[in-house]
C-alpha atoms as a PDB file:
ATOM      1  CA  MET A   1     303.587 -73.899 -96.938  1.00  0.00           C
ATOM      2  CA  VAL A   2     301.058 -71.433 -95.633  1.00  0.00           C
ATOM      3  CA  PHE A   3     297.591 -72.663 -95.049  1.00  0.00           C
ATOM      4  CA  PRO A   4     295.326 -69.953 -97.209  1.00  0.00           C
ATOM      5  CA  LEU A   5     293.506 -68.649 -94.303  1.00  0.00           C
ATOM      6  CA  GLY A   6     292.862 -65.591 -96.014  1.00  0.00           C
ATOM      7  CA  ALA A   7     291.234 -67.170 -99.124  1.00  0.00           C
ATOM      8  CA  ALA A   8     289.089 -69.122 -96.873  1.00  0.00           C
ATOM      9  CA  LEU A   9     287.875 -66.307 -94.903  1.00  0.00           C
ATOM     10  CA  ASN A  10     287.117 -64.271 -98.027  1.00  0.00           C
ATOM     11  CA  ALA A  11     285.086 -67.112 -99.476  1.00  0.00           C
ATOM     12  CA  LEU A  12     283.130 -67.235 -96.091  1.00  0.00           C
ATOM     13  CA  VAL A  13     282.400 -63.577 -96.186  1.00  0.00           C
ATOM     14  CA  ILE A  14     281.414 -63.644 -99.721  1.00  0.00           C
ATOM     15  CA  GLY A  15     278.540 -66.317 -98.573  1.00  0.00           C
ATOM     16  CA  LEU A  16     277.556 -63.815 -95.710  1.00  0.00           C
ATOM     17  CA  GLY A  17     277.385 -60.811 -98.103  1.00  0.00           C
ATOM     18  CA  ALA A  18     275.422 -62.805-100.218  1.00  0.00           C
ATOM     19  CA  VAL A  19     273.047 -64.085 -97.905  1.00  0.00           C
ATOM     20  CA  GLY A  20     272.677 -60.687 -96.442  1.00  0.00           C
ATOM     21  CA  GLY A  21     272.015 -59.267 -99.892  1.00  0.00           C
ATOM     22  CA  LEU A  22     269.209 -61.842-100.418  1.00  0.00           C
ATOM     23  CA  PHE A  23     267.450 -60.618 -97.078  1.00  0.00           C
ATOM     24  CA  ILE A  24     267.910 -57.133 -97.855  1.00  0.00           C
ATOM     25  CA  GLY A  25     266.585 -57.600-101.570  1.00  0.00           C
ATOM     26  CA  LYS A  26     263.318 -58.814-100.134  1.00  0.00           C
ATOM     27  CA  TYR A  27     262.633 -55.284 -98.818  1.00  0.00           C
ATOM     28  CA  LEU A  28     263.978 -53.071-101.499  1.00  0.00           C
ATOM     29  CA  SER A  29     261.452 -51.850-104.161  1.00  0.00           C
ATOM     30  CA  GLU A  30     262.380 -52.634-107.633  1.00  0.00           C
ATOM     31  CA  LYS A  31     262.993 -48.648-108.174  1.00  0.00           C
ATOM     32  CA  LEU A  32     265.409 -48.337-105.314  1.00  0.00           C
ATOM     33  CA  ALA A  33     267.230 -51.612-106.063  1.00  0.00           C
ATOM     34  CA  THR A  34     267.914 -50.296-109.714  1.00  0.00           C
ATOM     35  CA  LEU A  35     269.095 -47.337-108.671  1.00  0.00           C
ATOM     36  CA  ILE A  36     271.797 -48.774-106.248  1.00  0.00           C
ATOM     37  CA  PHE A  37     272.750 -51.063-108.698  1.00  0.00           C
ATOM     38  CA  GLN A  38     273.286 -48.658-111.430  1.00  0.00           C
ATOM     39  CA  LEU A  39     275.284 -46.546-108.869  1.00  0.00           C
ATOM     40  CA  PHE A  40     277.471 -49.565-107.839  1.00  0.00           C
ATOM     41  CA  GLY A  41     278.046 -50.141-111.718  1.00  0.00           C
ATOM     42  CA  LEU A  42     279.327 -46.454-111.894  1.00  0.00           C
ATOM     43  CA  CYS A  43     281.530 -47.109-109.128  1.00  0.00           C
ATOM     44  CA  LEU A  44     282.983 -50.122-110.749  1.00  0.00           C
ATOM     45  CA  LEU A  45     283.498 -48.120-113.939  1.00  0.00           C
ATOM     46  CA  ALA A  46     285.559 -45.429-112.094  1.00  0.00           C
ATOM     47  CA  ILE A  47     287.473 -48.167-110.211  1.00  0.00           C
ATOM     48  CA  GLY A  48     288.152 -50.232-113.478  1.00  0.00           C
ATOM     49  CA  LEU A  49     289.085 -47.002-115.527  1.00  0.00           C
ATOM     50  CA  LYS A  50     291.745 -45.940-112.612  1.00  0.00           C
ATOM     51  CA  MET A  51     293.112 -49.405-112.799  1.00  0.00           C
ATOM     52  CA  THR A  52     293.462 -49.378-116.458  1.00  0.00           C
ATOM     53  CA  LEU A  53     295.123 -46.053-116.740  1.00  0.00           C
ATOM     54  CA  GLY A  54     297.774 -47.190-114.633  1.00  0.00           C
ATOM     55  CA  SER A  55     298.998 -49.267-117.293  1.00  0.00           C
ATOM     56  CA  LEU A  56     302.793 -49.152-118.423  1.00  0.00           C
ATOM     57  CA  ASN A  57     302.143 -50.320-122.044  1.00  0.00           C
ATOM     58  CA  ILE A  58     298.328 -50.293-123.190  1.00  0.00           C
ATOM     59  CA  LEU A  59     299.294 -52.113-126.355  1.00  0.00           C
ATOM     60  CA  THR A  60     300.050 -55.610-124.242  1.00  0.00           C
ATOM     61  CA  VAL A  61     296.715 -55.217-122.315  1.00  0.00           C
ATOM     62  CA  ILE A  62     294.781 -54.835-125.786  1.00  0.00           C
ATOM     63  CA  LEU A  63     296.624 -57.820-127.134  1.00  0.00           C
ATOM     64  CA  ALA A  64     296.065 -59.879-124.221  1.00  0.00           C
ATOM     65  CA  ALA A  65     292.329 -58.831-124.215  1.00  0.00           C
ATOM     66  CA  VAL A  66     291.810 -59.633-127.802  1.00  0.00           C
ATOM     67  CA  LEU A  67     293.769 -62.945-127.592  1.00  0.00           C
ATOM     68  CA  GLY A  68     291.740 -63.906-124.467  1.00  0.00           C
ATOM     69  CA  ALA A  69     288.418 -63.167-126.045  1.00  0.00           C
ATOM     70  CA  THR A  70     289.334 -65.123-129.138  1.00  0.00           C
ATOM     71  CA  LEU A  71     290.450 -67.974-126.923  1.00  0.00           C
ATOM     72  CA  GLY A  72     287.339 -67.926-124.825  1.00  0.00           C
ATOM     73  CA  GLU A  73     285.031 -67.660-127.632  1.00  0.00           C
ATOM     74  CA  THR A  74     286.736 -70.615-129.689  1.00  0.00           C
ATOM     75  CA  LEU A  75     286.475 -72.925-126.397  1.00  0.00           C
ATOM     76  CA  ARG A  76     282.707 -71.641-125.899  1.00  0.00           C
ATOM     77  CA  LEU A  77     283.763 -70.854-122.554  1.00  0.00           C
ATOM     78  CA  SER A  78     280.545 -68.807-121.683  1.00  0.00           C
ATOM     79  CA  GLN A  79     278.069 -71.859-122.528  1.00  0.00           C
ATOM     80  CA  ARG A  80     280.301 -74.105-120.584  1.00  0.00           C
ATOM     81  CA  LEU A  81     279.964 -71.974-117.220  1.00  0.00           C
ATOM     82  CA  THR A  82     276.396 -71.368-117.893  1.00  0.00           C
ATOM     83  CA  HIS A  83     275.651 -74.838-118.122  1.00  0.00           C
ATOM     84  CA  LEU A  84     277.578 -75.503-114.813  1.00  0.00           C
ATOM     85  CA  ALA A  85     275.924 -72.630-113.267  1.00  0.00           C
ATOM     86  CA  GLU A  86     272.587 -74.220-114.434  1.00  0.00           C
ATOM     87  CA  ARG A  87     273.275 -77.633-113.011  1.00  0.00           C
ATOM     88  CA  LEU A  88     274.341 -75.975-109.455  1.00  0.00           C
ATOM     89  CA  LYS A  89     270.891 -74.084-109.913  1.00  0.00           C
ATOM     90  CA  ALA A  90     269.079 -77.504-110.401  1.00  0.00           C
ATOM     91  CA  ARG A  91     270.860 -79.209-107.821  1.00  0.00           C
ATOM     92  CA  PHE A  92     269.632 -76.628-105.213  1.00  0.00           C
ATOM     93  CA  ASN A  93     266.141 -76.220-106.574  1.00  0.00           C
ATOM     94  CA  GLY A  94     266.617 -72.602-107.682  1.00  0.00           C
ATOM     95  CA  GLN A  95     264.292 -71.005-109.651  1.00  0.00           C
ATOM     96  CA  ASN A  96     266.497 -67.962-109.952  1.00  0.00           C
ATOM     97  CA  PRO A  97     266.849 -66.647-113.843  1.00  0.00           C
ATOM     98  CA  LEU A  98     269.662 -64.561-113.024  1.00  0.00           C
ATOM     99  CA  PHE A  99     271.614 -67.289-111.198  1.00  0.00           C
ATOM    100  CA  ALA A 100     274.140 -67.984-114.073  1.00  0.00           C
ATOM    101  CA  GLU A 101     274.687 -64.230-114.585  1.00  0.00           C
ATOM    102  CA  GLY A 102     274.917 -63.503-110.821  1.00  0.00           C
ATOM    103  CA  LEU A 103     277.597 -66.232-110.478  1.00  0.00           C
ATOM    104  CA  VAL A 104     279.758 -65.526-113.609  1.00  0.00           C
ATOM    105  CA  THR A 105     279.490 -61.501-112.540  1.00  0.00           C
ATOM    106  CA  THR A 106     280.488 -61.933-109.243  1.00  0.00           C
ATOM    107  CA  SER A 107     283.253 -64.265-109.755  1.00  0.00           C
ATOM    108  CA  VAL A 108     284.923 -62.381-112.490  1.00  0.00           C
ATOM    109  CA  MET A 109     284.653 -58.981-109.934  1.00  0.00           C
ATOM    110  CA  VAL A 110     286.197 -60.875-106.738  1.00  0.00           C
ATOM    111  CA  CYS A 111     289.047 -62.524-108.833  1.00  0.00           C
ATOM    112  CA  ALA A 112     290.046 -60.151-111.535  1.00  0.00           C
ATOM    113  CA  GLY A 113     291.430 -57.295-109.217  1.00  0.00           C
ATOM    114  CA  ALA A 114     294.989 -56.943-108.543  1.00  0.00           C
ATOM    115  CA  MET A 115     294.380 -57.202-104.676  1.00  0.00           C
ATOM    116  CA  ALA A 116     293.458 -60.858-105.318  1.00  0.00           C
ATOM    117  CA  ILE A 117     296.892 -61.757-106.470  1.00  0.00           C
ATOM    118  CA  VAL A 118     298.905 -59.293-104.259  1.00  0.00           C
ATOM    119  CA  GLY A 119     297.227 -60.324-101.271  1.00  0.00           C
ATOM    120  CA  SER A 120     297.281 -64.054-102.034  1.00  0.00           C
ATOM    121  CA  PHE A 121     301.321 -63.838-102.548  1.00  0.00           C
ATOM    122  CA  GLU A 122     301.602 -61.669 -99.534  1.00  0.00           C
ATOM    123  CA  GLU A 123     299.886 -64.240 -97.305  1.00  0.00           C
ATOM    124  CA  GLY A 124     301.677 -67.286 -98.902  1.00  0.00           C
ATOM    125  CA  LEU A 125     305.215 -65.435 -98.491  1.00  0.00           C
ATOM    126  CA  GLY A 126     304.605 -64.875 -94.906  1.00  0.00           C
ATOM    127  CA  GLN A 127     304.191 -61.023 -95.220  1.00  0.00           C
ATOM    128  CA  GLY A 128     300.678 -60.656 -93.639  1.00  0.00           C
ATOM    129  CA  ARG A 129     297.170 -60.670 -94.577  1.00  0.00           C
ATOM    130  CA  THR A 130     296.428 -56.828 -94.587  1.00  0.00           C
ATOM    131  CA  THR A 131     295.577 -56.871 -98.529  1.00  0.00           C
ATOM    132  CA  VAL A 132     293.608 -59.812 -98.502  1.00  0.00           C
ATOM    133  CA  LEU A 133     291.557 -58.727 -95.571  1.00  0.00           C
ATOM    134  CA  THR A 134     290.908 -55.390 -97.080  1.00  0.00           C
ATOM    135  CA  LYS A 135     289.772 -57.180-100.160  1.00  0.00           C
ATOM    136  CA  THR A 136     287.558 -59.364 -97.917  1.00  0.00           C
ATOM    137  CA  LEU A 137     285.915 -56.368 -96.649  1.00  0.00           C
ATOM    138  CA  ILE A 138     285.226 -54.799 -99.989  1.00  0.00           C
ATOM    139  CA  ASP A 139     283.668 -58.103-101.299  1.00  0.00           C
ATOM    140  CA  PHE A 140     281.449 -58.215 -98.654  1.00  0.00           C
ATOM    141  CA  PHE A 141     279.547 -54.771 -99.438  1.00  0.00           C
ATOM    142  CA  SER A 142     279.874 -55.761-103.016  1.00  0.00           C
ATOM    143  CA  CYS A 143     278.117 -59.111-102.813  1.00  0.00           C
ATOM    144  CA  LEU A 144     275.822 -57.481-100.552  1.00  0.00           C
ATOM    145  CA  ILE A 145     274.595 -55.372-103.628  1.00  0.00           C
ATOM    146  CA  LEU A 146     275.072 -58.053-106.049  1.00  0.00           C
ATOM    147  CA  ALA A 147     272.888 -60.505-104.436  1.00  0.00           C
ATOM    148  CA  ALA A 148     270.276 -58.184-103.764  1.00  0.00           C
ATOM    149  CA  ARG A 149     269.887 -57.859-107.466  1.00  0.00           C
ATOM    150  CA  PHE A 150     271.191 -61.518-108.736  1.00  0.00           C
ATOM    151  CA  GLY A 151     270.134 -63.780-106.033  1.00  0.00           C
ATOM    152  CA  SER A 152     271.961 -66.906-104.737  1.00  0.00           C
ATOM    153  CA  GLY A 153     274.229 -67.293-107.643  1.00  0.00           C
ATOM    154  CA  VAL A 154     276.320 -64.368-106.046  1.00  0.00           C
ATOM    155  CA  ALA A 155     277.093 -66.830-102.985  1.00  0.00           C
ATOM    156  CA  PHE A 156     278.559 -69.500-105.265  1.00  0.00           C
ATOM    157  CA  ALA A 157     281.607 -66.971-106.228  1.00  0.00           C
ATOM    158  CA  ALA A 158     283.295 -68.141-102.870  1.00  0.00           C
ATOM    159  CA  VAL A 159     284.021 -71.396-104.574  1.00  0.00           C
ATOM    160  CA  ALA A 160     285.947 -69.486-107.334  1.00  0.00           C
ATOM    161  CA  VAL A 161     287.816 -67.214-104.645  1.00  0.00           C
ATOM    162  CA  LEU A 162     288.630 -70.211-102.627  1.00  0.00           C
ATOM    163  CA  ALA A 163     290.238 -72.132-105.577  1.00  0.00           C
ATOM    164  CA  TYR A 164     291.758 -69.089-107.193  1.00  0.00           C
ATOM    165  CA  GLN A 165     293.336 -67.346-103.986  1.00  0.00           C
ATOM    166  CA  GLY A 166     293.978 -70.624-102.298  1.00  0.00           C
ATOM    167  CA  THR A 167     296.005 -71.774-105.427  1.00  0.00           C
ATOM    168  CA  LEU A 168     298.058 -68.644-105.567  1.00  0.00           C
ATOM    169  CA  THR A 169     298.768 -68.761-101.900  1.00  0.00           C
ATOM    170  CA  LEU A 170     299.785 -72.273-101.704  1.00  0.00           C
ATOM    171  CA  LEU A 171     301.988 -71.737-104.771  1.00  0.00           C
ATOM    172  CA  ALA A 172     303.211 -68.186-103.837  1.00  0.00           C
ATOM    173  CA  GLY A 173     306.757 -69.581-103.303  1.00  0.00           C
ATOM    174  CA  VAL A 174     306.830 -70.987-106.719  1.00  0.00           C
ATOM    175  CA  LEU A 175     304.978 -68.246-108.692  1.00  0.00           C
ATOM    176  CA  ALA A 176     306.663 -65.095-107.106  1.00  0.00           C
ATOM    177  CA  PRO A 177     309.783 -65.119-108.956  1.00  0.00           C
ATOM    178  CA  PHE A 178     307.816 -64.930-112.322  1.00  0.00           C
ATOM    179  CA  MET A 179     305.614 -61.920-111.059  1.00  0.00           C
ATOM    180  CA  SER A 180     307.790 -59.261-112.480  1.00  0.00           C
ATOM    181  CA  PRO A 181     306.667 -55.611-112.087  1.00  0.00           C
ATOM    182  CA  GLY A 182     305.453 -55.752-115.787  1.00  0.00           C
ATOM    183  CA  VAL A 183     303.320 -58.906-115.298  1.00  0.00           C
ATOM    184  CA  GLU A 184     301.844 -57.183-111.888  1.00  0.00           C
ATOM    185  CA  ASN A 185     301.030 -54.017-113.886  1.00  0.00           C
ATOM    186  CA  CYS A 186     299.554 -56.002-116.682  1.00  0.00           C
ATOM    187  CA  LEU A 187     297.387 -58.022-114.522  1.00  0.00           C
ATOM    188  CA  GLN A 188     296.005 -55.277-112.763  1.00  0.00           C
ATOM    189  CA  SER A 189     295.313 -53.138-115.981  1.00  0.00           C
ATOM    190  CA  LEU A 190     293.511 -56.100-117.639  1.00  0.00           C
ATOM    191  CA  GLY A 191     291.691 -56.659-114.309  1.00  0.00           C
ATOM    192  CA  GLY A 192     290.748 -53.035-114.299  1.00  0.00           C
ATOM    193  CA  LEU A 193     289.366 -53.571-118.000  1.00  0.00           C
ATOM    194  CA  LEU A 194     287.224 -56.756-116.856  1.00  0.00           C
ATOM    195  CA  ILE A 195     285.680 -54.765-114.059  1.00  0.00           C
ATOM    196  CA  MET A 196     284.904 -51.803-116.162  1.00  0.00           C
ATOM    197  CA  ALA A 197     283.188 -54.408-118.371  1.00  0.00           C
ATOM    198  CA  ILE A 198     280.971 -55.390-115.178  1.00  0.00           C
ATOM    199  CA  GLY A 199     280.025 -51.620-114.793  1.00  0.00           C
ATOM    200  CA  VAL A 200     278.988 -51.425-118.545  1.00  0.00           C
ATOM    201  CA  ASN A 201     276.687 -54.453-117.987  1.00  0.00           C
ATOM    202  CA  MET A 202     275.209 -53.220-114.706  1.00  0.00           C
ATOM    203  CA  LEU A 203     274.147 -50.129-116.258  1.00  0.00           C
ATOM    204  CA  GLY A 204     272.139 -51.937-118.860  1.00  0.00           C
ATOM    205  CA  VAL A 205     274.106 -51.104-121.933  1.00  0.00           C
ATOM    206  CA  LYS A 206     273.489 -53.189-124.852  1.00  0.00           C
ATOM    207  CA  PRO A 207     274.571 -55.709-126.145  1.00  0.00           C
ATOM    208  CA  GLU A 208     276.352 -56.901-122.946  1.00  0.00           C
ATOM    209  CA  ILE A 209     280.218 -57.794-122.610  1.00  0.00           C
ATOM    210  CA  ASN A 210     280.555 -61.461-122.540  1.00  0.00           C
ATOM    211  CA  LEU A 211     282.495 -61.439-119.353  1.00  0.00           C
ATOM    212  CA  ALA A 212     283.044 -65.230-119.113  1.00  0.00           C
ATOM    213  CA  ASN A 213     284.491 -65.505-122.723  1.00  0.00           C
ATOM    214  CA  CYS A 214     287.192 -62.578-121.733  1.00  0.00           C
ATOM    215  CA  LEU A 215     288.402 -64.750-118.647  1.00  0.00           C
ATOM    216  CA  PRO A 216     291.431 -66.248-120.614  1.00  0.00           C
ATOM    217  CA  ALA A 217     292.731 -62.574-121.049  1.00  0.00           C
ATOM    218  CA  LEU A 218     294.208 -62.906-117.681  1.00  0.00           C
ATOM    219  CA  LEU A 219     296.367 -65.858-118.727  1.00  0.00           C
ATOM    220  CA  PHE A 220     297.591 -63.993-121.540  1.00  0.00           C
ATOM    221  CA  ALA A 221     298.207 -60.774-119.268  1.00  0.00           C
ATOM    222  CA  ALA A 222     300.402 -62.904-117.100  1.00  0.00           C
ATOM    223  CA  LEU A 223     302.315 -64.585-119.955  1.00  0.00           C
ATOM    224  CA  LEU A 224     302.816 -61.601-122.474  1.00  0.00           C
ATOM    225  CA  PRO A 225     305.049 -59.374-120.603  1.00  0.00           C
ATOM    226  CA  GLY A 226     307.887 -62.006-120.094  1.00  0.00           C
ATOM    227  CA  LEU A 227     307.577 -63.416-123.650  1.00  0.00           C
ATOM    228  CA  PHE A 228     308.049 -59.916-124.954  1.00  0.00           C
ATOM    229  CA  GLN A 229     310.859 -59.461-122.683  1.00  0.00           C
ATOM    230  CA  VAL A 230     312.593 -62.552-123.980  1.00  0.00           C
ATOM    231  CA  LEU A 231     311.987 -61.697-127.411  1.00  0.00           C
ATOM    232  CA  ALA A 232     313.260 -58.178-127.038  1.00  0.00           C
ATOM    233  CA  LEU A 233     310.096 -56.696-128.320  1.00  0.00           C
ATOM    234  CA  PRO A 234     308.965 -53.184-127.509  1.00  0.00           C
ATOM    235  CA  LEU A 235     305.502 -53.939-126.044  1.00  0.00           C
END
């Protein structure tokens, strides 16, 4: 079993990026900070669109998104995560009204992409850490920008990355046989959809997309391709 060094380093760098963003945010004018934030939102839209357009079967992605959002809404996942974020904010004496939004937004962004899965599996299977280290560098600059806007909640996304990628790395040998090309493609496309949703929210489009309630869609994206294959369904 490989120690998830890549996940630990990724989490550390997210924290450093958030600290750097908090420092930089103090010296940015509101006008410049808003412009940078909007440009970053446009970049996320482009990245997410490219990921989603690579889908081998968009119908499976849509079904996973709908089922996931339905489950998330039924479980009131957004309220639960917001409550957890508020407890964290109170524990650390935070006064930032954007704490919860920063935590949820950043956690989704750094965990939803295909690089988190592929990089964790590569490390866990002893195939190197190139992908996870590349993702770590991208996450640093992303968190730098997000923290300048959202504040300290961004730093706590490090916990989500450590738990998510660390678990995938530790269980890579067990999970790898189930990661067919269809599953990987569906997860990447669904992740692209979520990243696009982040970009839309960052551009201030109303009403905002409830990212937290969409998270279970990743579970369905992992399960549906295999299920359809077993049932011989053309999806």
